[in-house]
Amino acid sequence: KSLYAGYGSDEYTSQRQIFESEYNQDCGCHNCSRRFKQDIEDFLKPHIKEPLTILDWGGLAGENTPFKGNEIHVYDISDRDPIEGVVHIDRPSGKYDLIICSHVLEHVPYPEQILYEIKKYMGLLYIELPLEDTTKAIDKKYWHEHVNFFSIDSLYKLFARCGLSVID
């Protein structure tokens, strides 16, 4: 949790730029997904029916969670206060119509364990990950950010191990 204290703040960004000179707040994982929130909603609409109960797993304060106006819970280790209309929870419980897991699995050492945990609560699961060139990753001076790099093939294998099916 302490590794992500102040995540995205000016101080955090200046420290991270020491290790990743190309990093800035405008291209950080969650800031990018903010720009694509409408695209995410459009992508998911054929698979859901509102009103929804939504769990944003690793969703910071909920600022990037799609489908505002629905019941939204955020489960996150950050120290940010949730935005209006979002409830920060200490632990998920029950089932959710939609679980968002956006830019999380590349940060955790055991993504399979996270998916098994998420599976307990899910209806539909939306996962978003960066597609990073792993040949360049070897030369990158990572701090504590991305500890996993996924290809389409590795994702399908991960999902299969966890008993998840890709629908779209």
C-alpha atoms as a PDB file:
ATOM      1  CA  LYS A   1       0.000   0.000   0.000  1.00  0.00           C
ATOM      2  CA  SER A   2       2.814   2.432   0.812  1.00  0.00           C
ATOM      3  CA  LEU A   3       4.213   1.974  -2.705  1.00  0.00           C
ATOM      4  CA  TYR A   4       1.075   3.655  -4.052  1.00  0.00           C
ATOM      5  CA  ALA A   5       0.655   6.425  -1.473  1.00  0.00           C
ATOM      6  CA  GLY A   6      -0.035   9.639  -3.351  1.00  0.00           C
ATOM      7  CA  TYR A   7      -0.367   7.726  -6.629  1.00  0.00           C
ATOM      8  CA  GLY A   8      -0.513  10.157  -9.545  1.00  0.00           C
ATOM      9  CA  SER A   9       0.345  13.252  -7.492  1.00  0.00           C
ATOM     10  CA  ASP A  10       3.000  15.723  -8.616  1.00  0.00           C
ATOM     11  CA  GLU A  11       5.476  14.304  -6.090  1.00  0.00           C
ATOM     12  CA  TYR A  12       4.757  10.743  -7.223  1.00  0.00           C
ATOM     13  CA  THR A  13       5.184  11.727 -10.861  1.00  0.00           C
ATOM     14  CA  SER A  14       8.518  13.474 -10.291  1.00  0.00           C
ATOM     15  CA  GLN A  15       9.849  10.430  -8.414  1.00  0.00           C
ATOM     16  CA  ARG A  16       8.629   8.023 -11.085  1.00  0.00           C
ATOM     17  CA  GLN A  17      10.184  10.099 -13.865  1.00  0.00           C
ATOM     18  CA  ILE A  18      13.588   9.381 -12.330  1.00  0.00           C
ATOM     19  CA  PHE A  19      13.095   5.737 -13.302  1.00  0.00           C
ATOM     20  CA  GLU A  20      10.840   6.163 -16.331  1.00  0.00           C
ATOM     21  CA  SER A  21      11.686   9.431 -18.032  1.00  0.00           C
ATOM     22  CA  GLU A  22       8.782   9.130 -20.482  1.00  0.00           C
ATOM     23  CA  TYR A  23       6.178   8.824 -17.710  1.00  0.00           C
ATOM     24  CA  ASN A  24       3.899  11.765 -17.010  1.00  0.00           C
ATOM     25  CA  GLN A  25       0.511  12.189 -15.405  1.00  0.00           C
ATOM     26  CA  ASP A  26      -1.223  12.546 -18.754  1.00  0.00           C
ATOM     27  CA  CYS A  27      -0.165   9.109 -19.954  1.00  0.00           C
ATOM     28  CA  GLY A  28      -0.421   7.161 -16.693  1.00  0.00           C
ATOM     29  CA  CYS A  29      -2.642   4.081 -16.811  1.00  0.00           C
ATOM     30  CA  HIS A  30      -5.704   5.481 -15.093  1.00  0.00           C
ATOM     31  CA  ASN A  31      -5.512   8.866 -16.773  1.00  0.00           C
ATOM     32  CA  CYS A  32      -5.517   7.197 -20.186  1.00  0.00           C
ATOM     33  CA  SER A  33      -8.600   5.155 -19.343  1.00  0.00           C
ATOM     34  CA  ARG A  34     -10.377   8.377 -18.325  1.00  0.00           C
ATOM     35  CA  ARG A  35     -10.197   9.519 -21.943  1.00  0.00           C
ATOM     36  CA  PHE A  36     -11.645   6.219 -23.124  1.00  0.00           C
ATOM     37  CA  LYS A  37     -14.475   5.903 -20.595  1.00  0.00           C
ATOM     38  CA  GLN A  38     -17.161   6.400 -23.255  1.00  0.00           C
ATOM     39  CA  ASP A  39     -15.452   3.812 -25.461  1.00  0.00           C
ATOM     40  CA  ILE A  40     -15.485   1.355 -22.551  1.00  0.00           C
ATOM     41  CA  GLU A  41     -19.194   1.977 -21.941  1.00  0.00           C
ATOM     42  CA  ASP A  42     -19.962   1.515 -25.645  1.00  0.00           C
ATOM     43  CA  PHE A  43     -17.933  -1.713 -25.698  1.00  0.00           C
ATOM     44  CA  LEU A  44     -19.755  -3.129 -22.655  1.00  0.00           C
ATOM     45  CA  LYS A  45     -23.324  -2.007 -23.424  1.00  0.00           C
ATOM     46  CA  PRO A  46     -24.215  -5.060 -25.569  1.00  0.00           C
ATOM     47  CA  HIS A  47     -23.314  -7.313 -22.616  1.00  0.00           C
ATOM     48  CA  ILE A  48     -25.060  -5.542 -19.739  1.00  0.00           C
ATOM     49  CA  LYS A  49     -28.419  -4.220 -18.639  1.00  0.00           C
ATOM     50  CA  GLU A  50     -28.639  -1.177 -16.376  1.00  0.00           C
ATOM     51  CA  PRO A  51     -29.098  -0.505 -13.519  1.00  0.00           C
ATOM     52  CA  LEU A  52     -25.880  -2.164 -12.453  1.00  0.00           C
ATOM     53  CA  THR A  53     -24.023  -3.000  -9.320  1.00  0.00           C
ATOM     54  CA  ILE A  54     -20.387  -2.294 -10.160  1.00  0.00           C
ATOM     55  CA  LEU A  55     -17.193  -3.191  -8.357  1.00  0.00           C
ATOM     56  CA  ASP A  56     -14.104  -1.350  -9.554  1.00  0.00           C
ATOM     57  CA  TRP A  57     -11.225  -3.535  -8.363  1.00  0.00           C
ATOM     58  CA  GLY A  58      -8.223  -1.257  -8.017  1.00  0.00           C
ATOM     59  CA  GLY A  59     -10.224   1.779  -9.122  1.00  0.00           C
ATOM     60  CA  LEU A  60      -8.510   4.434  -6.986  1.00  0.00           C
ATOM     61  CA  ALA A  61     -11.260   6.916  -6.062  1.00  0.00           C
ATOM     62  CA  GLY A  62     -13.666   5.802  -8.790  1.00  0.00           C
ATOM     63  CA  GLU A  63     -12.888   8.718 -11.079  1.00  0.00           C
ATOM     64  CA  ASN A  64     -12.383   6.377 -14.048  1.00  0.00           C
ATOM     65  CA  THR A  65     -15.205   3.955 -13.342  1.00  0.00           C
ATOM     66  CA  PRO A  66     -17.675   3.809 -16.235  1.00  0.00           C
ATOM     67  CA  PHE A  67     -21.459   3.922 -15.919  1.00  0.00           C
ATOM     68  CA  LYS A  68     -21.735   6.673 -13.314  1.00  0.00           C
ATOM     69  CA  GLY A  69     -25.160   6.822 -11.729  1.00  0.00           C
ATOM     70  CA  ASN A  70     -25.193   3.116 -10.938  1.00  0.00           C
ATOM     71  CA  GLU A  71     -24.283   1.562  -7.601  1.00  0.00           C
ATOM     72  CA  ILE A  72     -20.469   1.695  -7.598  1.00  0.00           C
ATOM     73  CA  HIS A  73     -18.109   0.209  -5.049  1.00  0.00           C
ATOM     74  CA  VAL A  74     -14.348   0.650  -5.276  1.00  0.00           C
ATOM     75  CA  TYR A  75     -11.939  -1.807  -3.722  1.00  0.00           C
ATOM     76  CA  ASP A  76      -8.484  -0.236  -3.727  1.00  0.00           C
ATOM     77  CA  ILE A  77      -5.359   0.122  -1.610  1.00  0.00           C
ATOM     78  CA  SER A  78      -4.879   3.801  -2.419  1.00  0.00           C
ATOM     79  CA  ASP A  79      -5.310   6.574   0.110  1.00  0.00           C
ATOM     80  CA  ARG A  80      -7.672   8.588  -2.092  1.00  0.00           C
ATOM     81  CA  ASP A  81     -11.131   9.524  -0.901  1.00  0.00           C
ATOM     82  CA  PRO A  82     -13.870   8.245  -3.205  1.00  0.00           C
ATOM     83  CA  ILE A  83     -15.541  10.701  -5.548  1.00  0.00           C
ATOM     84  CA  GLU A  84     -19.221  11.544  -5.177  1.00  0.00           C
ATOM     85  CA  GLY A  85     -21.482   8.595  -5.885  1.00  0.00           C
ATOM     86  CA  VAL A  86     -18.785   5.998  -5.184  1.00  0.00           C
ATOM     87  CA  VAL A  87     -18.437   3.895  -2.034  1.00  0.00           C
ATOM     88  CA  HIS A  88     -14.953   2.753  -1.018  1.00  0.00           C
ATOM     89  CA  ILE A  89     -15.154  -0.727   0.518  1.00  0.00           C
ATOM     90  CA  ASP A  90     -12.699  -2.618   2.711  1.00  0.00           C
ATOM     91  CA  ARG A  91     -13.645  -5.983   1.227  1.00  0.00           C
ATOM     92  CA  PRO A  92     -16.041  -7.040  -1.544  1.00  0.00           C
ATOM     93  CA  SER A  93     -19.070  -9.127  -0.657  1.00  0.00           C
ATOM     94  CA  GLY A  94     -21.950 -10.505  -2.647  1.00  0.00           C
ATOM     95  CA  LYS A  95     -22.229 -10.525  -6.416  1.00  0.00           C
ATOM     96  CA  TYR A  96     -21.744  -7.617  -8.786  1.00  0.00           C
ATOM     97  CA  ASP A  97     -23.249  -7.279 -12.252  1.00  0.00           C
ATOM     98  CA  LEU A  98     -19.998  -5.818 -13.544  1.00  0.00           C
ATOM     99  CA  ILE A  99     -16.464  -5.856 -12.206  1.00  0.00           C
ATOM    100  CA  ILE A 100     -13.926  -3.470 -13.681  1.00  0.00           C
ATOM    101  CA  CYS A 101     -10.272  -4.406 -13.323  1.00  0.00           C
ATOM    102  CA  SER A 102      -8.497  -1.704 -15.268  1.00  0.00           C
ATOM    103  CA  HIS A 103      -4.709  -1.495 -15.203  1.00  0.00           C
ATOM    104  CA  VAL A 104      -4.304  -3.686 -12.136  1.00  0.00           C
ATOM    105  CA  LEU A 105      -2.987  -7.101 -13.174  1.00  0.00           C
ATOM    106  CA  GLU A 106       0.294  -5.697 -14.488  1.00  0.00           C
ATOM    107  CA  HIS A 107       1.002  -4.322 -10.996  1.00  0.00           C
ATOM    108  CA  VAL A 108       0.478  -7.454  -8.889  1.00  0.00           C
ATOM    109  CA  PRO A 109       2.928 -10.325  -8.467  1.00  0.00           C
ATOM    110  CA  TYR A 110       0.261 -13.044  -8.690  1.00  0.00           C
ATOM    111  CA  PRO A 111      -2.479 -12.044 -11.159  1.00  0.00           C
ATOM    112  CA  GLU A 112      -3.958 -15.534 -11.123  1.00  0.00           C
ATOM    113  CA  GLN A 113      -4.743 -15.190  -7.410  1.00  0.00           C
ATOM    114  CA  ILE A 114      -6.450 -11.847  -8.037  1.00  0.00           C
ATOM    115  CA  LEU A 115      -8.614 -13.362 -10.777  1.00  0.00           C
ATOM    116  CA  TYR A 116      -9.626 -16.274  -8.546  1.00  0.00           C
ATOM    117  CA  GLU A 117     -10.616 -13.755  -5.859  1.00  0.00           C
ATOM    118  CA  ILE A 118     -12.540 -11.574  -8.332  1.00  0.00           C
ATOM    119  CA  LYS A 119     -14.348 -14.629  -9.683  1.00  0.00           C
ATOM    120  CA  LYS A 120     -16.148 -15.037  -6.327  1.00  0.00           C
ATOM    121  CA  TYR A 121     -18.007 -11.759  -6.878  1.00  0.00           C
ATOM    122  CA  MET A 122     -18.468 -11.484 -10.598  1.00  0.00           C
ATOM    123  CA  GLY A 123     -21.133 -11.383 -13.163  1.00  0.00           C
ATOM    124  CA  LEU A 124     -19.308  -9.803 -16.108  1.00  0.00           C
ATOM    125  CA  LEU A 125     -15.640  -8.912 -15.810  1.00  0.00           C
ATOM    126  CA  TYR A 126     -13.973  -6.164 -17.835  1.00  0.00           C
ATOM    127  CA  ILE A 127     -10.188  -6.242 -17.813  1.00  0.00           C
ATOM    128  CA  GLU A 128      -7.996  -3.548 -19.308  1.00  0.00           C
ATOM    129  CA  LEU A 129      -4.226  -3.847 -19.542  1.00  0.00           C
ATOM    130  CA  PRO A 130      -1.461  -1.996 -21.309  1.00  0.00           C
ATOM    131  CA  LEU A 131      -0.065  -3.683 -24.380  1.00  0.00           C
ATOM    132  CA  GLU A 132       3.624  -3.145 -23.829  1.00  0.00           C
ATOM    133  CA  ASP A 133       6.470  -4.143 -26.072  1.00  0.00           C
ATOM    134  CA  THR A 134       8.222  -6.689 -23.872  1.00  0.00           C
ATOM    135  CA  THR A 135      11.374  -6.484 -25.957  1.00  0.00           C
ATOM    136  CA  LYS A 136      11.725  -2.867 -24.825  1.00  0.00           C
ATOM    137  CA  ALA A 137      10.710  -3.700 -21.250  1.00  0.00           C
ATOM    138  CA  ILE A 138      14.057  -5.372 -20.660  1.00  0.00           C
ATOM    139  CA  ASP A 139      15.795  -2.024 -21.179  1.00  0.00           C
ATOM    140  CA  LYS A 140      13.337  -0.068 -19.052  1.00  0.00           C
ATOM    141  CA  LYS A 141      14.315   0.953 -15.528  1.00  0.00           C
ATOM    142  CA  TYR A 142      11.134  -0.069 -13.744  1.00  0.00           C
ATOM    143  CA  TRP A 143      10.461   1.201 -10.309  1.00  0.00           C
ATOM    144  CA  HIS A 144       7.669  -0.794  -8.699  1.00  0.00           C
ATOM    145  CA  GLU A 145       5.066  -0.334 -11.364  1.00  0.00           C
ATOM    146  CA  HIS A 146       4.628  -3.102 -13.913  1.00  0.00           C
ATOM    147  CA  VAL A 147       5.801  -6.485 -12.762  1.00  0.00           C
ATOM    148  CA  ASN A 148       3.858  -8.412 -15.420  1.00  0.00           C
ATOM    149  CA  PHE A 149       3.765  -8.046 -19.179  1.00  0.00           C
ATOM    150  CA  PHE A 150       0.981  -9.727 -21.110  1.00  0.00           C
ATOM    151  CA  SER A 151       0.528 -10.798 -24.688  1.00  0.00           C
ATOM    152  CA  ILE A 152      -2.862 -11.780 -26.074  1.00  0.00           C
ATOM    153  CA  ASP A 153      -1.777 -15.423 -25.919  1.00  0.00           C
ATOM    154  CA  SER A 154      -0.622 -15.206 -22.289  1.00  0.00           C
ATOM    155  CA  LEU A 155      -3.903 -13.545 -21.302  1.00  0.00           C
ATOM    156  CA  TYR A 156      -5.971 -16.295 -22.889  1.00  0.00           C
ATOM    157  CA  LYS A 157      -3.874 -18.897 -21.046  1.00  0.00           C
ATOM    158  CA  LEU A 158      -4.271 -17.004 -17.755  1.00  0.00           C
ATOM    159  CA  PHE A 159      -8.037 -16.746 -18.221  1.00  0.00           C
ATOM    160  CA  ALA A 160      -8.285 -20.456 -19.083  1.00  0.00           C
ATOM    161  CA  ARG A 161      -6.342 -21.431 -15.930  1.00  0.00           C
ATOM    162  CA  CYS A 162      -8.809 -19.372 -13.908  1.00  0.00           C
ATOM    163  CA  GLY A 163     -11.872 -20.853 -15.615  1.00  0.00           C
ATOM    164  CA  LEU A 164     -12.786 -17.578 -17.331  1.00  0.00           C
ATOM    165  CA  SER A 165     -14.193 -17.342 -20.855  1.00  0.00           C
ATOM    166  CA  VAL A 166     -13.596 -14.418 -23.169  1.00  0.00           C
ATOM    167  CA  ILE A 167     -16.857 -13.190 -24.686  1.00  0.00           C
ATOM    168  CA  ASP A 168     -15.591 -10.098 -26.449  1.00  0.00           C
END
